Amino acid sequence: MEEMKAVRLHAYGGPENLVYEEAPRPEPAGDELVVRVHAAGVNVLDWLLGEGGFEHFPDVPLPWIPGWDISGVVEVVGNGVSGFQQGDSVYGMVRLPEPGNAYAEYAAVPASQVVAKPPILDHIQAAAAPMTGLTAWRALFDEAGLQRGQRVLIHAASGGVGHLAVQFAKAVGAHVVATASGSNREYVNSLGADEFVDYREQRFETSVAPVHAVIDTVGGEVQQRSLDVLKRDGVLVALPAEVPDEVKAEAERRGVRTRHFSVEPNADTLTKISRLIDDGRVRPTVSSVYPLAEAHAAHEEGRAGHVRGKLVLDATTVAS
């Protein structure tokens, strides 16, 4: 069996348990592609699961290869796959809720979960888009039902989900109120935000007019406070943290709704996102790029918080 370089998780805990080493190179099942990974996106989910933070994650034997966001080039096409050929550039969020195996030189991926990479993006940029893009899209449009002319409050607007949510909401003609630290004011405004609230200097619930929807990636007391700015029959979409029972009860008393979900691969939605990217209306932000061998350092930066946009691993730079 051929080998490749990969990053594998050998024990649950911190980034020190990520080991860059030789691993078996995958072979495709009939409905799969083997992709030569050029870049892998780093998501909050990556280190939360690495820490054993999600009890509902399947019981997968260690070691396993983390990562769900990939961008790369098709190397091998499974015998049951049509619509792809060797040499195609593709990207996507793959296999969740199973291990995605993205932190590697090669990954076998379900062909139904990847789409053509937007030509306007390089692989590093493309790897920053799938999970956060699918999350932001579902939160705004499937859960909140956001429409043109409605007002939406997006918390942590400079982060992975937030910076894409701002752009998606503006693309459909919504009015966007964004919260972030003051150091991100210029950046968030450049994404198209109509109003900006520095959460360190202002309490959003006293400075924001009522909104139809709140997209909250912060959790904690921000969820409770967000109820104060929702119009009647408005909706609070919370992720990744679930909505506590007491917040649900208070929301019901006020006549507003709460939503929570786990993101899933969705090629149809990713194709819609790709169109916005190709049209120049959406652009993922890459904060830092690390060689694949330094995945542990990327996780350390991510866990420290306050990343603008996304962290990405470059899988084309292979250490010995």
Protein backbone atom coordinates (compact mmCIF):
# COMPACT_ATOMS: atom_id res chain seq x y z
CA MET A 1 0.00 0.00 0.00
CA GLU A 2 1.28 3.45 -0.92
CA GLU A 3 1.94 5.94 1.84
CA MET A 4 1.38 9.68 2.20
CA LYS A 5 2.01 12.38 4.74
CA ALA A 6 -0.89 13.17 7.05
CA VAL A 7 -1.70 14.69 10.41
CA ARG A 8 -3.37 12.21 12.75
CA LEU A 9 -4.94 12.62 16.16
CA HIS A 10 -3.47 10.03 18.53
CA ALA A 11 -5.25 11.05 21.75
CA TYR A 12 -7.99 13.46 22.76
CA GLY A 13 -6.78 16.67 24.31
CA GLY A 14 -4.71 19.58 23.04
CA PRO A 15 -2.87 20.29 19.78
CA GLU A 16 0.17 18.36 21.03
CA ASN A 17 -1.73 15.18 20.15
CA LEU A 18 -1.68 16.01 16.43
CA VAL A 19 1.14 13.99 14.85
CA TYR A 20 2.51 14.61 11.36
CA GLU A 21 3.49 11.19 10.02
CA GLU A 22 3.21 8.56 7.31
CA ALA A 23 -0.26 7.11 6.76
CA PRO A 24 -1.81 4.77 4.18
CA ARG A 25 -2.82 6.53 0.99
CA PRO A 26 -6.58 6.04 0.42
CA GLU A 27 -8.24 4.16 -2.41
CA PRO A 28 -11.65 5.33 -3.66
CA ALA A 29 -14.88 3.42 -3.20
CA GLY A 30 -17.09 3.30 -6.27
CA ASP A 31 -18.85 6.57 -5.41
CA GLU A 32 -15.71 8.42 -4.33
CA LEU A 33 -12.88 10.52 -5.68
CA VAL A 34 -9.31 10.55 -4.45
CA VAL A 35 -8.29 14.19 -4.26
CA ARG A 36 -4.74 15.45 -4.09
CA VAL A 37 -5.32 17.92 -1.29
CA HIS A 38 -3.80 21.34 -1.91
CA ALA A 39 -5.31 23.02 1.14
CA ALA A 40 -7.40 22.12 4.18
CA GLY A 41 -9.48 24.61 6.12
CA VAL A 42 -9.18 24.73 9.90
CA ASN A 43 -12.49 25.07 11.75
CA VAL A 44 -13.59 25.45 15.35
CA LEU A 45 -15.05 21.96 15.07
CA ASP A 46 -11.58 20.57 14.34
CA TRP A 47 -10.13 21.39 17.73
CA LEU A 48 -13.37 20.91 19.66
CA LEU A 49 -13.60 17.33 18.39
CA GLY A 50 -9.88 16.88 18.92
CA GLU A 51 -10.46 17.76 22.54
CA GLY A 52 -13.31 15.25 22.72
CA GLY A 53 -15.77 18.10 23.11
CA PHE A 54 -18.72 16.66 21.19
CA GLU A 55 -20.27 13.57 22.72
CA HIS A 56 -22.37 12.89 19.61
CA PHE A 57 -19.30 12.41 17.40
CA PRO A 58 -19.07 8.81 16.21
CA ASP A 59 -16.86 6.52 18.23
CA VAL A 60 -13.96 6.34 15.79
CA PRO A 61 -10.83 4.43 16.82
CA LEU A 62 -7.65 6.45 17.20
CA PRO A 63 -5.61 7.57 15.39
CA TRP A 64 -7.76 9.43 12.85
CA ILE A 65 -7.17 12.27 10.41
CA PRO A 66 -8.98 15.53 11.27
CA GLY A 67 -10.35 18.16 8.93
CA TRP A 68 -13.47 18.45 6.78
CA ASP A 69 -12.76 21.34 4.40
CA ILE A 70 -10.66 20.51 1.36
CA SER A 71 -9.63 22.06 -1.90
CA GLY A 72 -7.57 20.10 -4.37
CA VAL A 73 -7.31 18.25 -7.66
CA VAL A 74 -8.98 14.97 -8.58
CA GLU A 75 -6.37 12.21 -8.81
CA VAL A 76 -8.52 9.06 -9.09
CA VAL A 77 -12.19 8.70 -10.06
CA GLY A 78 -14.23 5.87 -8.55
CA ASN A 79 -15.76 3.47 -11.06
CA GLY A 80 -19.30 4.58 -10.19
CA VAL A 81 -18.68 8.32 -10.49
CA SER A 82 -19.71 10.51 -13.40
CA GLY A 83 -19.29 14.24 -13.85
CA PHE A 84 -15.68 14.40 -12.65
CA GLN A 85 -12.39 13.52 -14.28
CA GLN A 86 -8.75 13.44 -13.31
CA GLY A 87 -7.33 16.95 -13.08
CA ASP A 88 -10.56 18.69 -12.03
CA SER A 89 -10.16 21.28 -9.26
CA VAL A 90 -12.77 20.67 -6.56
CA TYR A 91 -13.63 21.83 -3.07
CA GLY A 92 -16.10 20.95 -0.36
CA MET A 93 -16.89 19.96 3.20
CA VAL A 94 -16.76 16.18 3.32
CA ARG A 95 -17.93 13.22 5.42
CA LEU A 96 -19.20 15.09 8.49
CA PRO A 97 -20.22 13.71 11.00
CA GLU A 98 -17.52 11.11 10.28
CA PRO A 99 -13.82 12.05 10.11
CA GLY A 100 -13.17 14.03 6.94
CA ASN A 101 -9.49 13.06 6.61
CA ALA A 102 -8.63 16.48 5.13
CA TYR A 103 -5.31 17.00 6.94
CA ALA A 104 -3.41 14.86 4.45
CA GLU A 105 -1.77 14.82 1.03
CA TYR A 106 -4.64 12.73 -0.35
CA ALA A 107 -8.25 12.23 0.72
CA ALA A 108 -10.95 9.88 -0.53
CA VAL A 109 -14.16 11.91 -0.64
CA PRO A 110 -17.77 11.20 -1.66
CA ALA A 111 -18.16 12.66 -5.14
CA SER A 112 -21.62 13.94 -4.15
CA GLN A 113 -20.11 16.26 -1.53
CA VAL A 114 -17.66 18.29 -3.64
CA VAL A 115 -18.18 20.76 -6.47
CA ALA A 116 -15.98 22.57 -8.96
CA LYS A 117 -13.68 25.09 -7.29
CA PRO A 118 -14.50 28.67 -8.29
CA PRO A 119 -11.75 29.64 -10.76
CA ILE A 120 -11.49 33.07 -9.14
CA LEU A 121 -10.15 31.47 -5.94
CA ASP A 122 -6.86 29.67 -5.39
CA HIS A 123 -6.93 26.47 -3.33
CA ILE A 124 -5.96 28.25 -0.10
CA GLN A 125 -8.90 30.65 -0.41
CA ALA A 126 -11.29 27.90 -1.49
CA ALA A 127 -10.46 25.74 1.54
CA ALA A 128 -11.58 28.62 3.77
CA ALA A 129 -15.15 28.57 2.47
CA PRO A 130 -17.05 25.25 2.75
CA MET A 131 -17.93 24.58 6.40
CA THR A 132 -18.31 28.20 7.46
CA GLY A 133 -20.11 29.03 4.23
CA LEU A 134 -22.58 26.16 4.56
CA THR A 135 -23.13 27.09 8.21
CA ALA A 136 -23.74 30.78 7.48
CA TRP A 137 -26.05 29.98 4.56
CA ARG A 138 -28.19 27.55 6.51
CA ALA A 139 -28.39 29.89 9.51
CA LEU A 140 -29.48 32.88 7.45
CA PHE A 141 -31.76 31.36 4.85
CA ASP A 142 -32.92 27.90 5.96
CA GLU A 143 -33.30 28.58 9.69
CA ALA A 144 -33.94 32.35 9.88
CA GLY A 145 -35.63 32.68 6.48
CA LEU A 146 -33.87 36.01 5.87
CA GLN A 147 -35.25 38.08 3.01
CA ARG A 148 -34.46 41.32 1.18
CA GLY A 149 -35.05 44.39 3.33
CA GLN A 150 -35.04 42.55 6.66
CA ARG A 151 -32.64 43.42 9.47
CA VAL A 152 -30.19 40.84 10.82
CA LEU A 153 -27.74 41.08 13.73
CA ILE A 154 -24.59 39.02 13.17
CA HIS A 155 -22.37 38.46 16.20
CA ALA A 156 -18.61 37.85 15.82
CA ALA A 157 -18.87 39.28 12.32
CA SER A 158 -15.12 39.13 11.69
CA GLY A 159 -14.90 35.38 12.38
CA GLY A 160 -15.15 32.37 10.09
CA VAL A 161 -18.94 32.08 9.98
CA GLY A 162 -19.58 35.76 10.65
CA HIS A 163 -17.57 37.27 7.81
CA LEU A 164 -19.34 35.09 5.25
CA ALA A 165 -22.75 35.64 6.86
CA VAL A 166 -22.33 39.40 6.46
CA GLN A 167 -21.57 38.98 2.76
CA PHE A 168 -24.39 36.50 2.13
CA ALA A 169 -26.93 38.73 3.88
CA LYS A 170 -25.85 41.76 1.87
CA ALA A 171 -26.00 39.72 -1.35
CA VAL A 172 -29.76 39.22 -0.84
CA GLY A 173 -30.37 42.84 0.13
CA ALA A 174 -30.71 42.53 3.91
CA HIS A 175 -29.71 45.26 6.38
CA VAL A 176 -26.75 43.96 8.41
CA VAL A 177 -25.87 44.99 11.95
CA ALA A 178 -22.52 43.48 12.95
CA THR A 179 -20.75 43.08 16.27
CA ALA A 180 -17.00 42.63 16.66
CA SER A 181 -14.10 44.28 18.47
CA GLY A 182 -13.25 47.85 17.52
CA SER A 183 -10.04 46.73 15.83
CA ASN A 184 -12.18 44.95 13.24
CA ARG A 185 -14.47 47.90 12.46
CA GLU A 186 -12.85 48.82 9.13
CA TYR A 187 -12.65 45.18 8.04
CA VAL A 188 -16.27 44.37 8.90
CA ASN A 189 -17.49 47.55 7.23
CA SER A 190 -15.55 46.55 4.11
CA LEU A 191 -17.61 43.34 4.00
CA GLY A 192 -20.73 45.46 3.62
CA ALA A 193 -22.09 45.82 7.17
CA ASP A 194 -24.60 48.68 7.45
CA GLU A 195 -24.07 49.19 11.18
CA PHE A 196 -21.17 48.23 13.45
CA VAL A 197 -21.21 47.70 17.20
CA ASP A 198 -17.95 47.42 19.15
CA TYR A 199 -18.97 44.85 21.76
CA ARG A 200 -16.20 46.03 24.09
CA GLU A 201 -17.53 49.60 24.15
CA GLN A 202 -21.28 49.23 23.61
CA ARG A 203 -24.04 46.92 24.72
CA PHE A 204 -25.71 45.92 21.48
CA GLU A 205 -29.13 45.46 23.08
CA THR A 206 -29.27 49.18 23.96
CA SER A 207 -27.90 50.48 20.65
CA VAL A 208 -29.51 48.27 18.00
CA ALA A 209 -33.03 48.77 16.63
CA PRO A 210 -35.20 45.62 16.49
CA VAL A 211 -34.11 42.93 14.02
CA HIS A 212 -35.78 39.99 12.30
CA ALA A 213 -32.93 37.57 13.06
CA VAL A 214 -29.82 37.14 15.19
CA ILE A 215 -26.97 34.87 14.12
CA ASP A 216 -25.01 34.03 17.28
CA THR A 217 -21.73 32.13 17.22
CA VAL A 218 -20.69 33.39 20.66
CA GLY A 219 -23.12 31.72 23.05
CA GLY A 220 -23.39 32.24 26.79
CA GLU A 221 -25.02 35.43 28.02
CA VAL A 222 -24.97 36.87 24.48
CA GLN A 223 -27.84 34.51 23.63
CA GLN A 224 -30.01 35.84 26.46
CA ARG A 225 -29.21 39.47 25.62
CA SER A 226 -29.95 38.86 21.95
CA LEU A 227 -33.61 38.23 22.76
CA ASP A 228 -33.89 41.93 23.65
CA VAL A 229 -33.34 43.04 20.04
CA LEU A 230 -35.61 40.58 18.25
CA LYS A 231 -38.92 41.63 16.75
CA ARG A 232 -41.93 39.54 17.68
CA ASP A 233 -41.75 36.26 15.70
CA GLY A 234 -38.06 36.93 15.08
CA VAL A 235 -35.53 34.12 15.33
CA LEU A 236 -32.29 33.53 17.22
CA VAL A 237 -30.02 31.05 15.43
CA ALA A 238 -27.32 29.76 17.78
CA LEU A 239 -24.23 27.75 16.83
CA PRO A 240 -22.23 25.76 17.65
CA ALA A 241 -23.56 26.00 21.23
CA GLU A 242 -27.12 24.80 21.77
CA VAL A 243 -29.78 27.08 23.22
CA PRO A 244 -30.29 26.42 26.96
CA ASP A 245 -33.79 25.52 28.12
CA GLU A 246 -34.13 28.76 30.09
CA VAL A 247 -33.35 30.84 26.99
CA LYS A 248 -35.84 28.80 24.95
CA ALA A 249 -38.50 29.40 27.60
CA GLU A 250 -37.82 33.13 27.69
CA ALA A 251 -37.88 33.29 23.90
CA GLU A 252 -41.27 31.56 23.82
CA ARG A 253 -42.60 33.99 26.43
CA ARG A 254 -41.53 36.90 24.23
CA GLY A 255 -42.98 35.42 21.07
CA VAL A 256 -39.65 34.78 19.35
CA ARG A 257 -38.12 31.57 18.08
CA THR A 258 -34.79 29.80 18.63
CA ARG A 259 -32.96 27.51 16.25
CA HIS A 260 -29.88 25.30 16.48
CA PHE A 261 -28.45 22.84 13.96
CA SER A 262 -25.43 20.78 13.01
CA VAL A 263 -24.03 21.57 9.58
CA GLU A 264 -23.99 18.80 6.96
CA PRO A 265 -22.38 18.45 3.52
CA ASN A 266 -24.57 20.04 0.86
CA ALA A 267 -23.28 20.30 -2.70
CA ASP A 268 -26.35 22.20 -3.92
CA THR A 269 -25.85 24.97 -1.38
CA LEU A 270 -22.10 25.05 -2.02
CA THR A 271 -22.85 25.54 -5.72
CA LYS A 272 -24.98 28.58 -4.83
CA ILE A 273 -22.12 29.93 -2.73
CA SER A 274 -19.73 29.33 -5.63
CA ARG A 275 -21.92 31.49 -7.88
CA LEU A 276 -21.72 34.40 -5.45
CA ILE A 277 -17.95 33.96 -5.30
CA ASP A 278 -17.66 33.83 -9.09
CA ASP A 279 -19.80 36.99 -9.32
CA GLY A 280 -17.38 38.79 -7.00
CA ARG A 281 -20.04 39.32 -4.33
CA VAL A 282 -18.43 37.07 -1.71
CA ARG A 283 -14.81 36.48 -0.85
CA PRO A 284 -13.52 34.26 2.00
CA THR A 285 -10.81 35.80 4.16
CA VAL A 286 -7.70 33.81 5.06
CA SER A 287 -6.04 35.06 8.23
CA SER A 288 -3.03 32.72 8.36
CA VAL A 289 -1.62 29.83 6.34
CA TYR A 290 0.37 27.01 7.97
CA PRO A 291 2.23 24.10 6.38
CA LEU A 292 0.43 20.81 6.92
CA ALA A 293 3.17 19.70 9.30
CA GLU A 294 2.32 22.64 11.59
CA ALA A 295 -1.36 21.83 12.07
CA HIS A 296 -0.78 21.91 15.83
CA ALA A 297 0.28 25.56 15.58
CA ALA A 298 -2.84 26.41 13.58
CA HIS A 299 -4.98 24.81 16.30
CA GLU A 300 -3.14 26.79 18.96
CA GLU A 301 -3.88 30.05 17.13
CA GLY A 302 -7.49 29.07 16.60
CA ARG A 303 -8.06 28.12 20.21
CA ALA A 304 -6.65 31.49 21.30
CA GLY A 305 -9.55 33.16 19.48
CA HIS A 306 -10.04 36.42 17.58
CA VAL A 307 -9.05 35.00 14.19
CA ARG A 308 -10.16 37.24 11.33
CA GLY A 309 -11.74 34.94 8.77
CA LYS A 310 -10.14 31.51 8.56
CA LEU A 311 -6.94 29.54 9.15
CA VAL A 312 -5.81 27.22 6.36
CA LEU A 313 -3.25 24.40 6.04
CA ASP A 314 -1.10 24.23 2.90
CA ALA A 315 -0.88 20.54 1.99
CA THR A 316 1.48 21.12 -0.93
CA THR A 317 4.36 21.96 1.40
CA VAL A 318 5.34 18.52 2.64
CA ALA A 319 8.05 18.12 5.26
CA SER A 320 10.17 15.01 5.47
